[in-house]
Amino acid sequence: MKRRGFGMVYQRGSIWWAKYHFRGQVHRESSRSSKRMDAIKLLRKRMAEMGTGQLLGPKIDRTTFSDLETIITDDYTINGRRSLGRMKTSLAALRAFFGLSLAIDITLDRLNSYVAERLSQQIAPATIKNDLSILRRAFRLAQRAGKAICPPFPTLSVNNTRQGFFERPDFEAVRLALPLHLRPVVTFAYLTGWRIRSEILSLTWRQVDMDAGIVRLEPGSTKNEEGRVLPFAVLPELRDLLELQRRDTTQLELERGTIIPWAFHRNGQPILDFRKAWANACTAAGVAQRIPHDFRRTAVRNLERAGVPRSVAMKITGHKTESVYRRYAIVSEADLSEGMKKLAALHAGDRRRSSKKTLGTVWAQNREVDGVRETRKHG
């Protein structure tokens, strides 16, 4: 039976079908229902899609969670994303819940159920949020390909801002307790705020220009994929550190007759992990619950204290967005006390100025009263 202006619906056996044309092609689609109105609704839905210039059609009904996995994995692989391993971990957790589902069946209610189940397993909210962001991207890529419609996703509040940072005495105490080959590493981290594992331990002498006094990180070698330039020569402590490290490395190269490419190394070998040495040093220094990443927060706070413009500070530390940088700009109790002292000085100055003004007004009023009194007396 035809529906003028809407293509047509017809019956095949007991099932009603919809027939429509899009860009010169004929499409026939089963409503999977014996009710004529269901076929009409399906036809109207497809006509609405064609009105937007994109016919999703029955592709949506056939897209599975496995298809979404393939789409997001291909995207990460093609673009060379560094978080491919973390993405696969999230997909494994998502697969355990949505593995046999069609994409069209992954609704807001089911996503909320996923969040509730993961929270009941004592999974950190930040981890769950990361899982959802990966699934959302998979849906958006599938929607762009005409294979799915991205559902609304739950909003998960995450408060995982760490509060750790190092005051100078604590830093020096931990540094003194570390093995000799690790002391230059933590000093560089303390002064620059660079990421230890991906930026400092992987730093090679090819990236250090001793004559120009510059360290370079090439684009693609950092977490945010952007390059970075650090003029270390203007910071004496950092300059002395790299000069000593270069001399020691050169001496070791001459003794062994080999080239050592790494700026920071352990007797010529790359430093891969120092978690045990770090834990022991913190215990020996009496500084509990500190992690190497605290040096990054410390450097940001020191840049803020020094009054370095935020745009420049972000270039030094390698923060891409100001929102993340602000999370690292931690204020200590000492900073708060210093701020209150400045506020107290302001109020004290206001009180002094107010007192002088008040005394001057009273003196003028008394003089005027005495003058009136004196006039009356002589009158």
Protein backbone atom coordinates (compact mmCIF):
# COMPACT_ATOMS: atom_id res chain seq x y z
CA MET A 1 0.00 0.00 0.00
CA LYS A 2 1.41 3.41 -0.96
CA ARG A 3 1.73 6.41 1.26
CA ARG A 4 1.93 9.42 -1.05
CA GLY A 5 4.99 11.53 -0.25
CA PHE A 6 6.27 8.98 2.25
CA GLY A 7 7.50 6.17 -0.02
CA MET A 8 5.34 3.15 0.61
CA VAL A 9 4.57 0.37 3.05
CA TYR A 10 3.53 -3.10 1.99
CA GLN A 11 2.91 -6.49 3.48
CA ARG A 12 4.98 -9.59 2.87
CA GLY A 13 3.31 -12.54 4.54
CA SER A 14 2.27 -11.29 7.98
CA ILE A 15 5.13 -8.74 8.28
CA TRP A 16 4.86 -5.14 7.12
CA TRP A 17 7.76 -3.56 5.20
CA ALA A 18 8.76 -0.02 4.27
CA LYS A 19 10.12 0.95 0.87
CA TYR A 20 11.83 4.29 0.18
CA HIS A 21 14.36 5.93 -2.16
CA PHE A 22 17.51 7.79 -1.17
CA ARG A 23 20.10 9.19 -3.57
CA GLY A 24 19.00 6.99 -6.44
CA GLN A 25 18.89 3.76 -4.44
CA VAL A 26 15.86 1.74 -3.41
CA HIS A 27 15.75 0.64 0.21
CA ARG A 28 13.44 -2.02 1.62
CA GLU A 29 13.31 -2.54 5.35
CA SER A 30 11.29 -4.85 7.53
CA SER A 31 9.40 -3.41 10.48
CA ARG A 32 9.52 -6.88 12.09
CA SER A 33 5.90 -6.33 13.02
CA SER A 34 2.53 -7.55 11.79
CA LYS A 35 1.07 -4.10 12.48
CA ARG A 36 0.81 -1.71 9.54
CA MET A 37 1.28 1.34 11.77
CA ASP A 38 4.72 0.10 12.86
CA ALA A 39 5.85 0.10 9.24
CA ILE A 40 4.46 3.61 8.76
CA LYS A 41 6.37 4.80 11.85
CA LEU A 42 9.54 3.22 10.50
CA LEU A 43 9.05 4.89 7.13
CA ARG A 44 8.49 8.28 8.75
CA LYS A 45 11.64 7.82 10.82
CA ARG A 46 13.70 7.09 7.72
CA MET A 47 12.19 10.07 5.90
CA ALA A 48 13.20 12.28 8.85
CA GLU A 49 16.77 10.96 8.60
CA MET A 50 16.83 11.70 4.87
CA GLY A 51 15.67 15.21 5.65
CA THR A 52 18.95 15.77 7.50
CA GLY A 53 20.92 14.52 4.51
CA GLN A 54 22.06 11.31 6.22
CA LEU A 55 20.17 8.04 6.07
CA LEU A 56 21.16 5.88 9.00
CA GLY A 57 18.69 3.18 8.14
CA PRO A 58 19.03 -0.39 9.32
CA LYS A 59 22.80 -0.05 9.90
CA ILE A 60 22.06 1.25 13.39
CA ASP A 61 20.10 -1.83 14.32
CA ARG A 62 22.97 -4.13 13.33
CA THR A 63 25.84 -2.28 15.06
CA THR A 64 27.12 -4.19 18.08
CA PHE A 65 29.36 -3.31 20.99
CA SER A 66 32.04 -5.34 19.24
CA ASP A 67 31.73 -2.99 16.25
CA LEU A 68 32.23 -0.03 18.56
CA GLU A 69 35.36 -1.69 19.95
CA THR A 70 36.76 -2.11 16.46
CA ILE A 71 36.00 1.50 15.54
CA ILE A 72 37.71 3.03 18.60
CA THR A 73 40.69 0.64 18.44
CA ASP A 74 41.29 1.49 14.78
CA ASP A 75 41.05 5.20 15.60
CA TYR A 76 43.66 4.95 18.38
CA THR A 77 45.97 2.82 16.24
CA ILE A 78 45.77 5.01 13.12
CA ASN A 79 46.39 8.20 15.10
CA GLY A 80 49.22 6.65 17.12
CA ARG A 81 47.66 7.52 20.46
CA ARG A 82 49.96 6.87 23.40
CA SER A 83 47.08 5.78 25.63
CA LEU A 84 46.25 2.73 23.49
CA GLY A 85 47.05 0.38 26.37
CA ARG A 86 44.88 2.33 28.79
CA MET A 87 42.06 2.35 26.23
CA LYS A 88 42.20 -1.45 25.92
CA THR A 89 41.97 -1.76 29.70
CA SER A 90 38.80 0.34 29.67
CA LEU A 91 37.35 -1.69 26.79
CA ALA A 92 37.89 -4.88 28.78
CA ALA A 93 35.82 -3.45 31.66
CA LEU A 94 33.13 -2.21 29.28
CA ARG A 95 33.05 -5.54 27.44
CA ALA A 96 32.28 -7.40 30.66
CA PHE A 97 29.09 -5.35 30.95
CA PHE A 98 28.04 -4.56 27.36
CA GLY A 99 29.79 -7.37 25.47
CA LEU A 100 26.71 -8.95 23.85
CA SER A 101 24.71 -5.74 23.45
CA LEU A 102 23.67 -3.94 20.31
CA ALA A 103 24.78 -0.32 20.23
CA ILE A 104 21.14 0.78 20.07
CA ASP A 105 20.50 -0.98 23.41
CA ILE A 106 23.24 0.96 25.25
CA THR A 107 21.02 3.66 26.71
CA LEU A 108 21.43 6.17 29.53
CA ASP A 109 19.76 3.76 31.96
CA ARG A 110 22.24 0.99 31.11
CA LEU A 111 25.16 3.39 31.35
CA ASN A 112 23.97 4.44 34.80
CA SER A 113 23.78 0.76 35.76
CA TYR A 114 27.37 0.33 34.58
CA VAL A 115 28.50 3.24 36.77
CA ALA A 116 26.62 1.87 39.78
CA GLU A 117 28.13 -1.60 39.36
CA ARG A 118 31.69 -0.27 39.00
CA LEU A 119 31.29 1.95 42.05
CA SER A 120 30.06 -1.06 44.03
CA GLN A 121 33.33 -2.77 43.05
CA GLN A 122 35.25 0.09 44.72
CA ILE A 123 36.53 1.36 41.36
CA ALA A 124 37.74 4.97 41.45
CA PRO A 125 35.33 7.48 39.86
CA ALA A 126 38.16 8.83 37.69
CA THR A 127 38.65 5.35 36.19
CA ILE A 128 34.93 4.98 35.47
CA LYS A 129 34.83 8.44 33.91
CA ASN A 130 37.71 7.48 31.63
CA ASP A 131 35.85 4.31 30.58
CA LEU A 132 32.77 6.35 29.68
CA SER A 133 34.79 8.90 27.72
CA ILE A 134 36.25 6.11 25.57
CA LEU A 135 32.83 4.61 24.93
CA ARG A 136 31.43 8.05 24.10
CA ARG A 137 34.16 8.61 21.53
CA ALA A 138 33.44 5.20 20.01
CA PHE A 139 29.78 6.16 19.67
CA ARG A 140 30.62 9.51 18.09
CA LEU A 141 32.92 7.89 15.55
CA ALA A 142 30.21 5.33 14.76
CA GLN A 143 27.63 8.10 14.42
CA ARG A 144 29.91 9.94 12.00
CA ALA A 145 30.03 6.74 9.94
CA GLY A 146 26.25 6.37 10.04
CA LYS A 147 26.36 3.23 12.20
CA ALA A 148 25.02 4.43 15.55
CA ILE A 149 23.44 7.31 17.43
CA CYS A 150 25.34 8.52 20.49
CA PRO A 151 23.12 8.26 23.59
CA PRO A 152 23.29 10.75 26.47
CA PHE A 153 26.01 9.83 28.94
CA PRO A 154 25.89 10.19 32.73
CA THR A 155 27.90 12.94 34.36
CA LEU A 156 30.29 11.61 36.97
CA SER A 157 31.79 14.00 39.49
CA VAL A 158 35.50 13.39 40.07
CA ASN A 159 37.64 15.05 42.68
CA ASN A 160 41.07 13.48 42.39
CA THR A 161 43.23 16.56 42.82
CA ARG A 162 46.32 15.61 44.81
CA GLN A 163 47.58 17.97 47.45
CA GLY A 164 51.21 16.85 47.69
CA PHE A 165 54.12 19.23 47.14
CA PHE A 166 57.65 19.69 48.45
CA GLU A 167 59.04 22.48 50.53
CA ARG A 168 62.78 22.93 49.96
CA PRO A 169 63.92 21.22 53.20
CA ASP A 170 61.75 18.16 52.48
CA PHE A 171 63.07 17.94 48.93
CA GLU A 172 66.70 18.13 50.05
CA ALA A 173 66.13 15.52 52.75
CA VAL A 174 64.65 13.04 50.26
CA ARG A 175 67.34 13.82 47.67
CA LEU A 176 70.10 13.15 50.21
CA ALA A 177 68.56 9.75 51.02
CA LEU A 178 68.41 8.67 47.36
CA PRO A 179 71.19 6.80 45.51
CA LEU A 180 73.68 9.09 43.75
CA HIS A 181 72.40 8.36 40.22
CA LEU A 182 68.85 9.44 41.14
CA ARG A 183 69.72 12.77 42.77
CA PRO A 184 70.16 14.65 39.44
CA VAL A 185 66.84 13.22 38.23
CA VAL A 186 64.78 14.51 41.15
CA THR A 187 66.62 17.84 41.12
CA PHE A 188 65.74 18.37 37.47
CA ALA A 189 62.12 17.43 38.26
CA TYR A 190 61.99 19.77 41.26
CA LEU A 191 63.30 22.74 39.25
CA THR A 192 61.38 22.23 36.00
CA GLY A 193 58.20 20.31 36.80
CA TRP A 194 58.82 17.97 33.86
CA ARG A 195 57.33 14.48 33.86
CA ILE A 196 59.96 12.10 35.21
CA ARG A 197 59.24 8.90 33.32
CA SER A 198 58.32 10.20 29.86
CA GLU A 199 60.40 13.40 29.69
CA ILE A 200 63.35 13.31 32.10
CA LEU A 201 64.43 9.66 32.12
CA SER A 202 64.06 9.51 28.33
CA LEU A 203 66.07 12.71 27.79
CA THR A 204 69.17 12.22 25.59
CA TRP A 205 72.23 14.39 25.10
CA ARG A 206 71.12 14.94 21.51
CA GLN A 207 68.32 17.09 22.99
CA VAL A 208 70.67 19.09 25.23
CA ASP A 209 72.55 22.00 23.61
CA MET A 210 75.20 22.83 26.19
CA ASP A 211 76.62 25.73 24.15
CA ALA A 212 73.24 27.45 23.72
CA GLY A 213 72.06 26.44 27.19
CA ILE A 214 68.84 24.90 25.88
CA VAL A 215 67.04 21.57 26.31
CA ARG A 216 64.59 20.62 23.57
CA LEU A 217 61.74 18.12 23.54
CA GLU A 218 60.62 17.32 20.01
CA PRO A 219 56.92 17.43 19.02
CA GLY A 220 55.35 14.04 19.60
CA SER A 221 57.74 13.10 22.41
CA THR A 222 55.63 14.69 25.17
CA LYS A 223 52.29 13.75 26.65
CA ASN A 224 50.48 16.63 24.94
CA GLU A 225 52.31 15.93 21.65
CA GLU A 226 53.76 19.46 21.60
CA GLY A 227 57.46 20.31 21.57
CA ARG A 228 59.13 22.29 24.32
CA VAL A 229 62.22 24.44 24.79
CA LEU A 230 63.85 25.01 28.19
CA PRO A 231 66.62 27.66 28.47
CA PHE A 232 68.40 26.07 31.43
CA ALA A 233 71.48 28.35 31.38
CA VAL A 234 69.61 31.19 33.12
CA LEU A 235 68.89 29.01 36.17
CA PRO A 236 72.30 28.49 37.85
CA GLU A 237 71.30 25.42 39.85
CA LEU A 238 69.97 23.70 36.74
CA ARG A 239 72.94 24.79 34.64
CA ASP A 240 75.43 23.44 37.18
CA LEU A 241 73.47 20.18 37.37
CA LEU A 242 73.61 19.54 33.62
CA GLU A 243 77.24 20.60 33.30
CA LEU A 244 78.26 18.18 36.06
CA GLN A 245 76.12 15.44 34.53
CA ARG A 246 77.75 16.03 31.15
CA ARG A 247 81.28 15.88 32.62
CA ASP A 248 80.57 12.66 34.53
CA THR A 249 79.01 11.07 31.46
CA THR A 250 81.94 12.05 29.25
CA GLN A 251 84.42 10.59 31.73
CA LEU A 252 82.48 7.32 31.86
CA GLU A 253 82.34 7.20 28.05
CA LEU A 254 86.13 7.59 27.85
CA GLU A 255 86.68 4.87 30.43
CA ARG A 256 84.42 2.41 28.63
CA GLY A 257 85.02 3.48 25.05
CA THR A 258 81.30 3.69 24.34
CA ILE A 259 78.64 6.34 23.83
CA ILE A 260 76.03 6.93 26.54
CA PRO A 261 73.02 8.62 24.92
CA TRP A 262 71.00 9.28 28.08
CA ALA A 263 71.39 12.48 30.04
CA PHE A 264 70.38 10.65 33.23
CA HIS A 265 71.54 7.09 33.68
CA ARG A 266 72.77 4.50 36.15
CA ASN A 267 76.40 3.75 35.41
CA GLY A 268 75.72 4.12 31.68
CA GLN A 269 72.45 2.17 31.65
CA PRO A 270 68.96 3.72 31.35
CA ILE A 271 66.97 4.21 34.54
CA LEU A 272 63.74 2.26 34.19
CA ASP A 273 62.15 2.28 37.62
CA PHE A 274 63.04 3.57 41.08
CA ARG A 275 59.88 3.09 43.11
CA LYS A 276 61.61 1.03 45.82
CA ALA A 277 64.49 3.50 46.14
CA TRP A 278 61.98 6.35 46.31
CA ALA A 279 59.92 4.71 49.05
CA ASN A 280 63.03 4.00 51.10
CA ALA A 281 64.28 7.58 50.70
CA CYS A 282 60.94 9.06 51.80
CA THR A 283 60.91 6.81 54.85
CA ALA A 284 64.48 7.75 55.73
CA ALA A 285 63.71 11.46 55.30
CA GLY A 286 60.54 11.22 57.39
CA VAL A 287 58.43 12.46 54.48
CA ALA A 288 55.44 10.14 54.15
CA GLN A 289 52.91 9.72 51.35
CA ARG A 290 54.84 11.61 48.70
CA ILE A 291 55.16 10.60 45.06
CA PRO A 292 57.62 11.79 42.39
CA HIS A 293 54.78 13.52 40.56
CA ASP A 294 54.58 15.94 43.50
CA PHE A 295 57.61 17.68 41.99
CA ARG A 296 55.37 18.76 39.13
CA ARG A 297 52.91 20.39 41.49
CA THR A 298 55.80 21.95 43.40
CA ALA A 299 57.27 23.52 40.26
CA VAL A 300 53.89 25.01 39.33
CA ARG A 301 53.50 26.51 42.79
CA ASN A 302 57.03 27.92 42.70
CA LEU A 303 56.36 29.52 39.31
CA GLU A 304 53.21 31.09 40.74
CA ARG A 305 55.15 32.35 43.76
CA ALA A 306 57.82 33.83 41.49
CA GLY A 307 55.15 35.77 39.60
CA VAL A 308 55.88 34.07 36.25
CA PRO A 309 53.04 34.78 33.79
CA ARG A 310 50.81 31.75 33.54
CA SER A 311 51.19 31.43 29.77
CA VAL A 312 54.99 31.28 30.17
CA ALA A 313 54.81 28.88 33.13
CA MET A 314 52.64 26.48 31.12
CA LYS A 315 55.28 26.44 28.37
CA ILE A 316 57.95 25.56 30.94
CA THR A 317 56.03 22.72 32.60
CA GLY A 318 54.28 21.48 29.46
CA HIS A 319 50.68 21.97 30.55
CA LYS A 320 48.43 22.27 27.52
CA THR A 321 45.30 23.63 29.21
CA GLU A 322 44.99 26.24 31.92
CA SER A 323 42.31 24.22 33.73
CA VAL A 324 44.79 21.41 34.41
CA TYR A 325 47.53 23.90 35.31
CA ARG A 326 45.26 25.52 37.90
CA ARG A 327 44.78 22.14 39.59
CA TYR A 328 48.52 22.06 40.19
CA ALA A 329 48.75 25.61 41.58
CA ILE A 330 48.41 24.40 45.17
CA VAL A 331 48.46 26.83 48.07
CA SER A 332 50.19 25.70 51.26
CA GLU A 333 49.49 26.82 54.81
CA ALA A 334 52.65 28.93 54.66
CA ASP A 335 51.31 30.68 51.56
CA LEU A 336 47.99 31.28 53.31
CA SER A 337 49.77 32.70 56.36
CA GLU A 338 51.81 35.00 54.13
CA GLY A 339 48.61 36.11 52.43
CA MET A 340 46.95 36.85 55.77
CA LYS A 341 50.02 38.86 56.86
CA LYS A 342 49.69 40.99 53.74
CA LEU A 343 45.98 41.42 54.46
CA ALA A 344 46.77 42.41 58.05
CA ALA A 345 49.26 45.01 56.80
CA LEU A 346 46.60 46.43 54.50
CA HIS A 347 44.06 46.71 57.31
CA ALA A 348 46.66 48.24 59.64
CA GLY A 349 47.44 50.91 57.04
CA ASP A 350 43.73 51.63 56.59
CA ARG A 351 43.31 51.99 60.34
CA ARG A 352 46.25 54.42 60.58
CA ARG A 353 44.91 56.56 57.75
CA SER A 354 41.43 56.45 59.24
CA SER A 355 42.74 57.43 62.69
CA LYS A 356 44.66 60.42 61.29
CA LYS A 357 41.58 61.59 59.41
CA THR A 358 39.38 61.20 62.48
CA LEU A 359 41.84 63.09 64.73
CA GLY A 360 42.09 65.89 62.16
CA THR A 361 38.32 66.24 62.02
CA VAL A 362 38.01 66.31 65.82
CA TRP A 363 40.81 68.92 66.04
CA ALA A 364 39.07 71.13 63.46
CA GLN A 365 35.75 70.79 65.24
CA ASN A 366 37.29 71.67 68.60
CA ARG A 367 39.03 74.68 67.07
CA GLU A 368 35.75 75.89 65.58
CA VAL A 369 33.93 75.43 68.88
CA ASP A 370 36.68 77.27 70.76
CA GLY A 371 36.53 80.10 68.22
CA VAL A 372 32.78 80.47 68.69
CA ARG A 373 33.21 80.38 72.38
CA GLU A 374 36.00 82.95 72.19
CA THR A 375 33.90 85.28 70.00
CA ARG A 376 30.98 85.03 72.35
CA LYS A 377 33.24 85.76 75.27
CA HIS A 378 34.66 88.94 73.67
CA GLY A 379 31.24 89.99 72.46
